[in-house]
Amino acid sequence: MSLRFDMTDPVTAVAVVVALVALAAGSGFQLRTVARRFRSLRLQIMAIVLGSLVMGLVAALALVQLMVLTPDALVPVMAVLALIVPFVVGFVVVSTQPIRHDAARIETTLNRLEAGDHGARVDLNRDDEFGRVAALVDRLGAQLEQVNEHRRAMDRERVGMDAERRILLSSISHDLRTPIGALQAAVEALNDGVADDPRRYLRSMGHDLTALSGLVDDLFLLSQLDAGLLDIRLEPVDLAELADEAAEALAPTADSRRVTVQLTSDRAVPVLGNGAALGRVIRNLLDNAIRHTPSGSAVHLVVQPGDPVRLTVTDEGPGFPPEFVPHAFDRFARPDPSRTRTTGGTGLGLAIAKGLVEAHGGSIRIEPGPGGRLAVELPTPNTLAVQPS
């Protein structure tokens, strides 16, 4: 006896529908598992579509068994499904070509990023999941490129620091060797009793100790400036008066070289700064100019009011060599590397002047000659007062 269902009965109809839905859901989960085994997205879509057609055939057979669909109606259903298969396959092949192409672009870009080509981009204009994944990949590439550029910058900085460290150690050892060697020779001469004029030896030792102490002080000051630990207390000071004091302090040095220091300042020039620090800046600039101007010439020191306040030191020498200008404010920088402490200073004067001027919110630079010309600009007290903290 055949099993028939009365589909006009609501309970029976609901039961049949639930059974078919459960069958479709179970088959769908199984089909999804099978599709994931394919490595191609196109094959996965093809498997899902063909699996759906097979599920349609299975549902038709189930309806025949449940007497919902007559056997005579099954034949045309199967024929239709058979005819649909090649069209579905062709449709899937054509319609999935852009998806396949875009997926390949994302994969290629990821492979290039993994290989170190951080400039690789997908550049995919889509609003779906593929577009969002491509945008994430492009952002990842941009971030990797920034990280790589930062790493290259750090490598360049490390190379520069290593070179600066080597120059620093070489220069320090060079500047320490002369006074230490002289002290050692003087001590040995005094100990051996061969010093014909002990007082002269002691004076020479005092000069060498002063030179060593000055070098140590300069290095300590530079280390404080680099670390931002130098405590500079600002107060109203007269830059013209500081310039006059610096000129008087270096008068013996200038006289010994037959150099005249000419100060030009019509009136008081107030600035907000540290008198000791700014005085040191002016002395360093004057000392540098006196060393490099010819004997019998003059060094011109000019203080000009304004906003900013301007101070210039100009000598009548040959000026700064063009190749030296970019490095003039580096530590131990000397126009002539063969110069020693006794002939060319330690090479720290301009570096210290630059650090102290910048600590006051000012600037220092080399200007075109004739002669060597250094210019310092400092903000006026009113300018500093309105600057945000």
Foldseek 3Di string as FASTA:
>chain_A
DAAEDDCVDVVRVVVLVVVLVVVVVVLLVVLQVVLVVDPAPLSSVLSNVVSVLVSVLVSLVVCCSRVVDPPVVSVVVVVVSVVVSVVVNVVSVVVCPVVRVLVVLLVVQVVCVVVPNLVRASPDDDDDPSVVVRVVSVVVSVVVVVVVVVVVVVVVVVVVVVVLVVVVVVLVCQQLVVLVVLLVVLVVCVVVVNDPDNVVSVVSNVVSVVSVVVVVVLVVLLVCLVVVNDDWQWDKDFLLVLLVVLQVVCVVVLVVLQEAEAEDDDDTAIATTHSVLSSLLNNLLVVQQSLAAHHNYYWYWYWAHDFWTKIKIFGQGQEQDPVQQVVLLPAQRDSDVVDHCVRRNSSNSSVSSQSSLVVQVKGKGWDDDNGTMIMITHGHPVVVVPDDD
